[in-house]
Amino acid sequence: MVVLMNIRTLGAGFSEGYGVSVGAHRARPAGSYGWDAAWVPIFWLVCGAACLIGAVFSASADPPWNIIAVLYLTLLGLLFIAGGLVYLRATLRGKFEVWAETLDALGLRGDEDALDLGCGRGAVAIMLAERMPGGHVTGIDLWHSRDQSGNSIANAQANLAANGVADRVELVTGDMTALPFADASFDVVTASMAIHNIHAAGGREAALREALRVLRIGGRLVIVDISATKQYVRILGELTGESVSRVPLGWRMWWTGPWMSTALVSTTRTR
């Protein structure tokens, strides 16, 4: 049985600067966390610049291009640049703000065992550890840099040390579709922008099954992801026999625009 957790609306408001607090904790841990799929914002910004340059040359040509073509290139260029900047804000600030609020809303006791799937450079694992001074966090990843720039176990360990949580966070190299952990090992399982990187639908289903398998009764599964969240809702509903909802997370986690938005799927295992 799966019960959707009620959390406060995450799309309203934002904090200024990287070092701000959300609730009792910083919105962004110390350290370096790279960019998610770094080629995407670079592509959008380069395309935007190319369109604007094309508009300038077109307007100054002798004879000048059709004014409609100039306006089209200008608007297209501005759209690409705006999308690239929105993406950069999401990867550098927005996702940290959203996760800080999401974890604060869990009301953790502070002594839980947590697992972060696709932990990357450790942002969510660190944020969990800060909220669980008497607990333990395990982060698991295959360390693919195409999904996050500079993604490596060494960079993750450096971030753990920078935040003073290395003593209660363990990093494991492994596949989230075949977790190397016993049944009912964790009180909390999280996944941030990770499961969608499994391209096959069957692989994403396997990851969800594994997440539920290692979750204890009363444990909570918290997934923040993009394109496949409706599939997660369907699969979790089929696995548990209960309906599952998804919560849109608002503009702070738009990856170029509302056409690539992010949603939260969170569940509590009750049996």
C-alpha atoms as a PDB file:
ATOM      1  CA  MET A   1       0.000   0.000   0.000  1.00  0.00           C
ATOM      2  CA  VAL A   2       1.306   3.424  -0.902  1.00  0.00           C
ATOM      3  CA  VAL A   3       0.183   6.687   0.645  1.00  0.00           C
ATOM      4  CA  LEU A   4       1.163   9.974  -0.987  1.00  0.00           C
ATOM      5  CA  MET A   5       2.784  12.300   1.503  1.00  0.00           C
ATOM      6  CA  ASN A   6       1.322  15.776   1.769  1.00  0.00           C
ATOM      7  CA  ILE A   7       3.979  18.471   1.556  1.00  0.00           C
ATOM      8  CA  ARG A   8       3.660  22.186   1.345  1.00  0.00           C
ATOM      9  CA  THR A   9       3.608  23.839  -2.076  1.00  0.00           C
ATOM     10  CA  LEU A  10       7.148  23.960  -3.390  1.00  0.00           C
ATOM     11  CA  GLY A  11       6.718  26.279  -6.347  1.00  0.00           C
ATOM     12  CA  ALA A  12       6.143  29.510  -4.461  1.00  0.00           C
ATOM     13  CA  GLY A  13       8.934  31.851  -3.487  1.00  0.00           C
ATOM     14  CA  PHE A  14      12.689  31.437  -3.589  1.00  0.00           C
ATOM     15  CA  SER A  15      15.746  32.252  -1.497  1.00  0.00           C
ATOM     16  CA  GLU A  16      18.501  34.591  -2.578  1.00  0.00           C
ATOM     17  CA  GLY A  17      22.062  33.297  -2.827  1.00  0.00           C
ATOM     18  CA  TYR A  18      23.694  29.908  -2.482  1.00  0.00           C
ATOM     19  CA  GLY A  19      24.273  30.104   1.253  1.00  0.00           C
ATOM     20  CA  VAL A  20      20.707  30.810   2.340  1.00  0.00           C
ATOM     21  CA  SER A  21      18.712  28.630   4.692  1.00  0.00           C
ATOM     22  CA  VAL A  22      15.453  26.834   4.018  1.00  0.00           C
ATOM     23  CA  GLY A  23      13.900  26.000   7.364  1.00  0.00           C
ATOM     24  CA  ALA A  24      16.777  25.179   9.714  1.00  0.00           C
ATOM     25  CA  HIS A  25      19.188  24.135   6.985  1.00  0.00           C
ATOM     26  CA  ARG A  26      21.113  25.658   4.094  1.00  0.00           C
ATOM     27  CA  ALA A  27      19.443  25.417   0.717  1.00  0.00           C
ATOM     28  CA  ARG A  28      22.720  24.354  -0.901  1.00  0.00           C
ATOM     29  CA  PRO A  29      25.474  22.368   0.827  1.00  0.00           C
ATOM     30  CA  ALA A  30      29.086  23.478   0.623  1.00  0.00           C
ATOM     31  CA  GLY A  31      31.109  22.037  -2.234  1.00  0.00           C
ATOM     32  CA  SER A  32      30.949  21.673  -6.005  1.00  0.00           C
ATOM     33  CA  TYR A  33      28.084  19.807  -7.685  1.00  0.00           C
ATOM     34  CA  GLY A  34      28.568  20.394 -11.394  1.00  0.00           C
ATOM     35  CA  TRP A  35      25.752  20.754 -13.909  1.00  0.00           C
ATOM     36  CA  ASP A  36      23.077  18.236 -14.789  1.00  0.00           C
ATOM     37  CA  ALA A  37      23.568  17.178 -18.445  1.00  0.00           C
ATOM     38  CA  ALA A  38      25.863  20.169 -18.986  1.00  0.00           C
ATOM     39  CA  TRP A  39      25.603  20.000 -22.776  1.00  0.00           C
ATOM     40  CA  VAL A  40      21.933  21.047 -22.671  1.00  0.00           C
ATOM     41  CA  PRO A  41      22.290  24.636 -21.366  1.00  0.00           C
ATOM     42  CA  ILE A  42      25.429  25.120 -23.453  1.00  0.00           C
ATOM     43  CA  PHE A  43      23.514  24.033 -26.570  1.00  0.00           C
ATOM     44  CA  TRP A  44      20.623  26.391 -25.788  1.00  0.00           C
ATOM     45  CA  LEU A  45      22.889  29.362 -25.100  1.00  0.00           C
ATOM     46  CA  VAL A  46      24.977  28.768 -28.228  1.00  0.00           C
ATOM     47  CA  CYS A  47      21.839  28.451 -30.362  1.00  0.00           C
ATOM     48  CA  GLY A  48      20.492  31.654 -28.857  1.00  0.00           C
ATOM     49  CA  ALA A  49      23.692  33.555 -29.581  1.00  0.00           C
ATOM     50  CA  ALA A  50      23.774  32.208 -33.145  1.00  0.00           C
ATOM     51  CA  CYS A  51      20.197  33.339 -33.779  1.00  0.00           C
ATOM     52  CA  LEU A  52      20.858  36.840 -32.446  1.00  0.00           C
ATOM     53  CA  ILE A  53      24.044  37.148 -34.506  1.00  0.00           C
ATOM     54  CA  GLY A  54      22.080  36.012 -37.538  1.00  0.00           C
ATOM     55  CA  ALA A  55      19.438  38.646 -36.808  1.00  0.00           C
ATOM     56  CA  VAL A  56      22.065  41.402 -36.605  1.00  0.00           C
ATOM     57  CA  PHE A  57      23.716  40.376 -39.883  1.00  0.00           C
ATOM     58  CA  SER A  58      20.349  40.033 -41.558  1.00  0.00           C
ATOM     59  CA  ALA A  59      19.255  43.486 -40.458  1.00  0.00           C
ATOM     60  CA  SER A  60      22.506  45.062 -41.635  1.00  0.00           C
ATOM     61  CA  ALA A  61      22.682  43.256 -44.964  1.00  0.00           C
ATOM     62  CA  ASP A  62      22.485  45.233 -48.190  1.00  0.00           C
ATOM     63  CA  PRO A  63      19.684  44.870 -49.042  1.00  0.00           C
ATOM     64  CA  PRO A  64      18.394  43.809 -45.591  1.00  0.00           C
ATOM     65  CA  TRP A  65      16.447  40.587 -45.160  1.00  0.00           C
ATOM     66  CA  ASN A  66      12.729  40.585 -44.733  1.00  0.00           C
ATOM     67  CA  ILE A  67      11.845  42.232 -41.418  1.00  0.00           C
ATOM     68  CA  ILE A  68       9.787  39.167 -40.467  1.00  0.00           C
ATOM     69  CA  ALA A  69      12.884  36.970 -40.735  1.00  0.00           C
ATOM     70  CA  VAL A  70      14.857  39.388 -38.537  1.00  0.00           C
ATOM     71  CA  LEU A  71      12.132  39.431 -35.893  1.00  0.00           C
ATOM     72  CA  TYR A  72      11.846  35.645 -36.023  1.00  0.00           C
ATOM     73  CA  LEU A  73      15.584  35.163 -35.469  1.00  0.00           C
ATOM     74  CA  THR A  74      15.572  37.719 -32.642  1.00  0.00           C
ATOM     75  CA  LEU A  75      12.661  36.115 -30.805  1.00  0.00           C
ATOM     76  CA  LEU A  76      14.077  32.623 -31.324  1.00  0.00           C
ATOM     77  CA  GLY A  77      17.458  33.752 -30.010  1.00  0.00           C
ATOM     78  CA  LEU A  78      15.921  35.302 -26.906  1.00  0.00           C
ATOM     79  CA  LEU A  79      13.886  32.140 -26.293  1.00  0.00           C
ATOM     80  CA  PHE A  80      16.986  29.940 -26.484  1.00  0.00           C
ATOM     81  CA  ILE A  81      18.968  32.210 -24.157  1.00  0.00           C
ATOM     82  CA  ALA A  82      16.113  32.439 -21.652  1.00  0.00           C
ATOM     83  CA  GLY A  83      15.776  28.640 -21.701  1.00  0.00           C
ATOM     84  CA  GLY A  84      19.493  28.187 -21.101  1.00  0.00           C
ATOM     85  CA  LEU A  85      19.450  30.599 -18.170  1.00  0.00           C
ATOM     86  CA  VAL A  86      16.371  28.935 -16.647  1.00  0.00           C
ATOM     87  CA  TYR A  87      18.174  25.585 -16.926  1.00  0.00           C
ATOM     88  CA  LEU A  88      21.283  26.965 -15.237  1.00  0.00           C
ATOM     89  CA  ARG A  89      19.223  28.300 -12.356  1.00  0.00           C
ATOM     90  CA  ALA A  90      17.541  24.909 -11.935  1.00  0.00           C
ATOM     91  CA  THR A  91      20.826  23.004 -11.834  1.00  0.00           C
ATOM     92  CA  LEU A  92      22.739  25.541  -9.706  1.00  0.00           C
ATOM     93  CA  ARG A  93      20.037  26.660  -7.274  1.00  0.00           C
ATOM     94  CA  GLY A  94      16.513  25.471  -7.904  1.00  0.00           C
ATOM     95  CA  LYS A  95      16.994  21.773  -7.226  1.00  0.00           C
ATOM     96  CA  PHE A  96      18.755  22.503  -3.922  1.00  0.00           C
ATOM     97  CA  GLU A  97      15.935  24.762  -2.753  1.00  0.00           C
ATOM     98  CA  VAL A  98      13.315  22.173  -3.682  1.00  0.00           C
ATOM     99  CA  TRP A  99      15.149  19.297  -2.021  1.00  0.00           C
ATOM    100  CA  ALA A 100      15.760  21.292   1.161  1.00  0.00           C
ATOM    101  CA  GLU A 101      12.046  21.980   1.460  1.00  0.00           C
ATOM    102  CA  THR A 102      11.100  18.405   0.553  1.00  0.00           C
ATOM    103  CA  LEU A 103      13.417  16.865   3.163  1.00  0.00           C
ATOM    104  CA  ASP A 104      12.353  19.346   5.828  1.00  0.00           C
ATOM    105  CA  ALA A 105       8.737  18.356   5.148  1.00  0.00           C
ATOM    106  CA  LEU A 106       9.517  14.693   5.905  1.00  0.00           C
ATOM    107  CA  GLY A 107       9.834  15.461   9.605  1.00  0.00           C
ATOM    108  CA  LEU A 108      12.733  13.047  10.049  1.00  0.00           C
ATOM    109  CA  ARG A 109      13.540  11.844  13.587  1.00  0.00           C
ATOM    110  CA  GLY A 110      17.266  12.105  12.888  1.00  0.00           C
ATOM    111  CA  ASP A 111      18.274   8.465  13.449  1.00  0.00           C
ATOM    112  CA  GLU A 112      17.064   6.901  10.188  1.00  0.00           C
ATOM    113  CA  ASP A 113      18.916   4.807   7.638  1.00  0.00           C
ATOM    114  CA  ALA A 114      18.601   6.405   4.198  1.00  0.00           C
ATOM    115  CA  LEU A 115      19.523   5.426   0.657  1.00  0.00           C
ATOM    116  CA  ASP A 116      20.044   7.930  -2.171  1.00  0.00           C
ATOM    117  CA  LEU A 117      19.721   6.367  -5.630  1.00  0.00           C
ATOM    118  CA  GLY A 118      21.971   7.873  -8.300  1.00  0.00           C
ATOM    119  CA  CYS A 119      23.612  10.072  -5.678  1.00  0.00           C
ATOM    120  CA  GLY A 120      26.032  11.768  -8.078  1.00  0.00           C
ATOM    121  CA  ARG A 121      28.260  14.268  -6.329  1.00  0.00           C
ATOM    122  CA  GLY A 122      26.326  13.798  -3.098  1.00  0.00           C
ATOM    123  CA  ALA A 123      23.987  16.780  -2.744  1.00  0.00           C
ATOM    124  CA  VAL A 124      20.882  14.921  -1.525  1.00  0.00           C
ATOM    125  CA  ALA A 125      22.921  12.429   0.520  1.00  0.00           C
ATOM    126  CA  ILE A 126      24.580  15.351   2.329  1.00  0.00           C
ATOM    127  CA  MET A 127      21.265  17.106   2.907  1.00  0.00           C
ATOM    128  CA  LEU A 128      19.870  13.889   4.365  1.00  0.00           C
ATOM    129  CA  ALA A 129      22.882  13.447   6.645  1.00  0.00           C
ATOM    130  CA  GLU A 130      22.532  17.018   7.923  1.00  0.00           C
ATOM    131  CA  ARG A 131      18.967  16.183   8.984  1.00  0.00           C
ATOM    132  CA  MET A 132      19.953  12.814  10.489  1.00  0.00           C
ATOM    133  CA  PRO A 133      22.823  13.442  12.935  1.00  0.00           C
ATOM    134  CA  GLY A 134      22.213  10.058  14.538  1.00  0.00           C
ATOM    135  CA  GLY A 135      21.480   8.186  11.329  1.00  0.00           C
ATOM    136  CA  HIS A 136      23.320   6.800   8.335  1.00  0.00           C
ATOM    137  CA  VAL A 137      23.101   7.539   4.604  1.00  0.00           C
ATOM    138  CA  THR A 138      24.167   5.326   1.714  1.00  0.00           C
ATOM    139  CA  GLY A 139      24.641   6.815  -1.738  1.00  0.00           C
ATOM    140  CA  ILE A 140      24.784   4.558  -4.777  1.00  0.00           C
ATOM    141  CA  ASP A 141      25.799   5.512  -8.315  1.00  0.00           C
ATOM    142  CA  LEU A 142      27.481   4.259 -11.471  1.00  0.00           C
ATOM    143  CA  TRP A 143      29.316   7.622 -11.696  1.00  0.00           C
ATOM    144  CA  HIS A 144      28.435   8.512 -15.301  1.00  0.00           C
ATOM    145  CA  SER A 145      29.615  12.045 -16.100  1.00  0.00           C
ATOM    146  CA  ARG A 146      27.201  12.405 -19.025  1.00  0.00           C
ATOM    147  CA  ASP A 147      24.362  12.756 -16.518  1.00  0.00           C
ATOM    148  CA  GLN A 148      26.210  15.173 -14.224  1.00  0.00           C
ATOM    149  CA  SER A 149      29.423  16.998 -15.009  1.00  0.00           C
ATOM    150  CA  GLY A 150      32.413  15.847 -12.983  1.00  0.00           C
ATOM    151  CA  ASN A 151      30.460  12.950 -11.517  1.00  0.00           C
ATOM    152  CA  SER A 152      32.887  10.697  -9.645  1.00  0.00           C
ATOM    153  CA  ILE A 153      33.168   9.007  -6.301  1.00  0.00           C
ATOM    154  CA  ALA A 154      36.226  11.165  -5.528  1.00  0.00           C
ATOM    155  CA  ASN A 155      34.281  14.398  -6.073  1.00  0.00           C
ATOM    156  CA  ALA A 156      31.410  13.065  -3.980  1.00  0.00           C
ATOM    157  CA  GLN A 157      33.795  12.198  -1.151  1.00  0.00           C
ATOM    158  CA  ALA A 158      35.282  15.703  -1.315  1.00  0.00           C
ATOM    159  CA  ASN A 159      31.803  17.194  -0.903  1.00  0.00           C
ATOM    160  CA  LEU A 160      31.074  14.911   2.061  1.00  0.00           C
ATOM    161  CA  ALA A 161      34.273  16.101   3.729  1.00  0.00           C
ATOM    162  CA  ALA A 162      33.466  19.764   2.992  1.00  0.00           C
ATOM    163  CA  ASN A 163      30.192  19.380   4.875  1.00  0.00           C
ATOM    164  CA  GLY A 164      31.537  17.326   7.777  1.00  0.00           C
ATOM    165  CA  VAL A 165      29.315  14.298   7.119  1.00  0.00           C
ATOM    166  CA  ALA A 166      31.831  11.775   5.747  1.00  0.00           C
ATOM    167  CA  ASP A 167      31.571   9.727   8.943  1.00  0.00           C
ATOM    168  CA  ARG A 168      27.902   8.927   8.388  1.00  0.00           C
ATOM    169  CA  VAL A 169      27.633   8.709   4.582  1.00  0.00           C
ATOM    170  CA  GLU A 170      28.798   5.637   2.679  1.00  0.00           C
ATOM    171  CA  LEU A 171      29.282   5.720  -1.095  1.00  0.00           C
ATOM    172  CA  VAL A 172      28.697   2.543  -3.089  1.00  0.00           C
ATOM    173  CA  THR A 173      29.276   1.800  -6.771  1.00  0.00           C
ATOM    174  CA  GLY A 174      26.235  -0.082  -8.013  1.00  0.00           C
ATOM    175  CA  ASP A 175      23.173  -0.279 -10.227  1.00  0.00           C
ATOM    176  CA  MET A 176      19.836   0.950  -8.900  1.00  0.00           C
ATOM    177  CA  THR A 177      18.040  -1.772 -10.896  1.00  0.00           C
ATOM    178  CA  ALA A 178      19.810  -4.464  -8.828  1.00  0.00           C
ATOM    179  CA  LEU A 179      20.564  -2.980  -5.438  1.00  0.00           C
ATOM    180  CA  PRO A 180      23.186  -4.812  -3.352  1.00  0.00           C
ATOM    181  CA  PHE A 181      21.170  -4.438  -0.139  1.00  0.00           C
ATOM    182  CA  ALA A 182      18.927  -6.742   1.862  1.00  0.00           C
ATOM    183  CA  ASP A 183      15.150  -6.375   1.951  1.00  0.00           C
ATOM    184  CA  ALA A 184      13.799  -3.712   4.302  1.00  0.00           C
ATOM    185  CA  SER A 185      17.173  -2.071   4.941  1.00  0.00           C
ATOM    186  CA  PHE A 186      16.205   1.623   4.825  1.00  0.00           C
ATOM    187  CA  ASP A 187      13.729   4.047   6.376  1.00  0.00           C
ATOM    188  CA  VAL A 188      14.051   6.553   3.528  1.00  0.00           C
ATOM    189  CA  VAL A 189      14.908   6.082  -0.158  1.00  0.00           C
ATOM    190  CA  THR A 190      15.453   9.119  -2.381  1.00  0.00           C
ATOM    191  CA  ALA A 191      16.182   9.610  -6.076  1.00  0.00           C
ATOM    192  CA  SER A 192      16.960  13.001  -7.608  1.00  0.00           C
ATOM    193  CA  MET A 193      16.847  13.292 -11.395  1.00  0.00           C
ATOM    194  CA  ALA A 194      18.250   9.771 -11.639  1.00  0.00           C
ATOM    195  CA  ILE A 195      15.683   7.139 -12.609  1.00  0.00           C
ATOM    196  CA  HIS A 196      14.808   8.808 -15.927  1.00  0.00           C
ATOM    197  CA  ASN A 197      18.419   8.211 -17.017  1.00  0.00           C
ATOM    198  CA  ILE A 198      17.492   4.531 -17.352  1.00  0.00           C
ATOM    199  CA  HIS A 199      16.251   4.661 -20.935  1.00  0.00           C
ATOM    200  CA  ALA A 200      14.346   1.369 -21.014  1.00  0.00           C
ATOM    201  CA  ALA A 201      10.896   1.379 -19.400  1.00  0.00           C
ATOM    202  CA  GLY A 202      11.602  -2.070 -17.971  1.00  0.00           C
ATOM    203  CA  GLY A 203      14.744  -0.757 -16.317  1.00  0.00           C
ATOM    204  CA  ARG A 204      12.874   2.117 -14.692  1.00  0.00           C
ATOM    205  CA  GLU A 205      10.295  -0.359 -13.388  1.00  0.00           C
ATOM    206  CA  ALA A 206      13.076  -2.534 -11.983  1.00  0.00           C
ATOM    207  CA  ALA A 207      14.531   0.471 -10.147  1.00  0.00           C
ATOM    208  CA  LEU A 208      11.149   1.243  -8.577  1.00  0.00           C
ATOM    209  CA  ARG A 209      10.692  -2.385  -7.544  1.00  0.00           C
ATOM    210  CA  GLU A 210      14.138  -2.382  -5.949  1.00  0.00           C
ATOM    211  CA  ALA A 211      13.447   0.881  -4.122  1.00  0.00           C
ATOM    212  CA  LEU A 212      10.305  -0.608  -2.590  1.00  0.00           C
ATOM    213  CA  ARG A 213      12.078  -3.887  -1.784  1.00  0.00           C
ATOM    214  CA  VAL A 214      14.769  -2.246   0.356  1.00  0.00           C
ATOM    215  CA  LEU A 215      12.288   0.065   2.097  1.00  0.00           C
ATOM    216  CA  ARG A 216      11.121  -0.837   5.600  1.00  0.00           C
ATOM    217  CA  ILE A 217       7.478  -0.835   6.645  1.00  0.00           C
ATOM    218  CA  GLY A 218       6.645   2.793   7.334  1.00  0.00           C
ATOM    219  CA  GLY A 219       9.581   3.894   5.192  1.00  0.00           C
ATOM    220  CA  ARG A 220       9.263   6.640   2.615  1.00  0.00           C
ATOM    221  CA  LEU A 221      10.221   6.768  -1.045  1.00  0.00           C
ATOM    222  CA  VAL A 222      10.840  10.269  -2.437  1.00  0.00           C
ATOM    223  CA  ILE A 223      11.470  10.699  -6.171  1.00  0.00           C
ATOM    224  CA  VAL A 224      12.116  14.003  -7.931  1.00  0.00           C
ATOM    225  CA  ASP A 225      12.290  13.530 -11.681  1.00  0.00           C
ATOM    226  CA  ILE A 226      11.183  14.738 -15.093  1.00  0.00           C
ATOM    227  CA  SER A 227       9.729  12.920 -18.084  1.00  0.00           C
ATOM    228  CA  ALA A 228       8.778   9.528 -16.641  1.00  0.00           C
ATOM    229  CA  THR A 229       6.997  10.481 -13.407  1.00  0.00           C
ATOM    230  CA  LYS A 230       3.564   9.495 -14.711  1.00  0.00           C
ATOM    231  CA  GLN A 231       4.977   6.048 -15.405  1.00  0.00           C
ATOM    232  CA  TYR A 232       6.300   5.911 -11.825  1.00  0.00           C
ATOM    233  CA  VAL A 233       2.834   6.685 -10.499  1.00  0.00           C
ATOM    234  CA  ARG A 234       1.294   3.913 -12.608  1.00  0.00           C
ATOM    235  CA  ILE A 235       3.924   1.326 -11.676  1.00  0.00           C
ATOM    236  CA  LEU A 236       3.843   2.120  -7.967  1.00  0.00           C
ATOM    237  CA  GLY A 237       0.056   1.917  -8.058  1.00  0.00           C
ATOM    238  CA  GLU A 238       0.203  -1.494  -9.723  1.00  0.00           C
ATOM    239  CA  LEU A 239       2.804  -2.757  -7.249  1.00  0.00           C
ATOM    240  CA  THR A 240       0.860  -1.616  -4.214  1.00  0.00           C
ATOM    241  CA  GLY A 241      -2.769  -1.685  -5.316  1.00  0.00           C
ATOM    242  CA  GLU A 242      -3.238   1.944  -4.299  1.00  0.00           C
ATOM    243  CA  SER A 243      -3.520   5.168  -6.276  1.00  0.00           C
ATOM    244  CA  VAL A 244      -0.440   7.392  -6.254  1.00  0.00           C
ATOM    245  CA  SER A 245      -0.305  11.107  -7.026  1.00  0.00           C
ATOM    246  CA  ARG A 246       2.413  13.371  -8.323  1.00  0.00           C
ATOM    247  CA  VAL A 247       3.109  16.982  -7.277  1.00  0.00           C
ATOM    248  CA  PRO A 248       4.521  19.460  -9.850  1.00  0.00           C
ATOM    249  CA  LEU A 249       7.497  21.296  -8.395  1.00  0.00           C
ATOM    250  CA  GLY A 250       7.169  24.602 -10.211  1.00  0.00           C
ATOM    251  CA  TRP A 251       9.419  26.926 -12.140  1.00  0.00           C
ATOM    252  CA  ARG A 252      12.516  26.409  -9.985  1.00  0.00           C
ATOM    253  CA  MET A 253      13.000  23.005 -11.586  1.00  0.00           C
ATOM    254  CA  TRP A 254      12.143  23.827 -15.179  1.00  0.00           C
ATOM    255  CA  TRP A 255      14.851  22.448 -17.436  1.00  0.00           C
ATOM    256  CA  THR A 256      14.680  25.228 -20.092  1.00  0.00           C
ATOM    257  CA  GLY A 257      10.919  25.774 -19.674  1.00  0.00           C
ATOM    258  CA  PRO A 258       7.547  24.346 -18.605  1.00  0.00           C
ATOM    259  CA  TRP A 259       7.766  21.777 -21.398  1.00  0.00           C
ATOM    260  CA  MET A 260      10.517  20.080 -19.346  1.00  0.00           C
ATOM    261  CA  SER A 261       9.225  20.382 -15.810  1.00  0.00           C
ATOM    262  CA  THR A 262       9.856  18.322 -12.685  1.00  0.00           C
ATOM    263  CA  ALA A 263       7.473  16.493 -10.357  1.00  0.00           C
ATOM    264  CA  LEU A 264       7.662  14.865  -6.938  1.00  0.00           C
ATOM    265  CA  VAL A 265       6.400  11.316  -6.441  1.00  0.00           C
ATOM    266  CA  SER A 266       6.553  10.288  -2.781  1.00  0.00           C
ATOM    267  CA  THR A 267       5.147   7.250  -1.050  1.00  0.00           C
ATOM    268  CA  THR A 268       5.067   5.530   2.311  1.00  0.00           C
ATOM    269  CA  ARG A 269       5.325   1.755   2.480  1.00  0.00           C
ATOM    270  CA  THR A 270       2.624   0.468   4.811  1.00  0.00           C
ATOM    271  CA  ARG A 271       2.940  -3.277   4.298  1.00  0.00           C
END
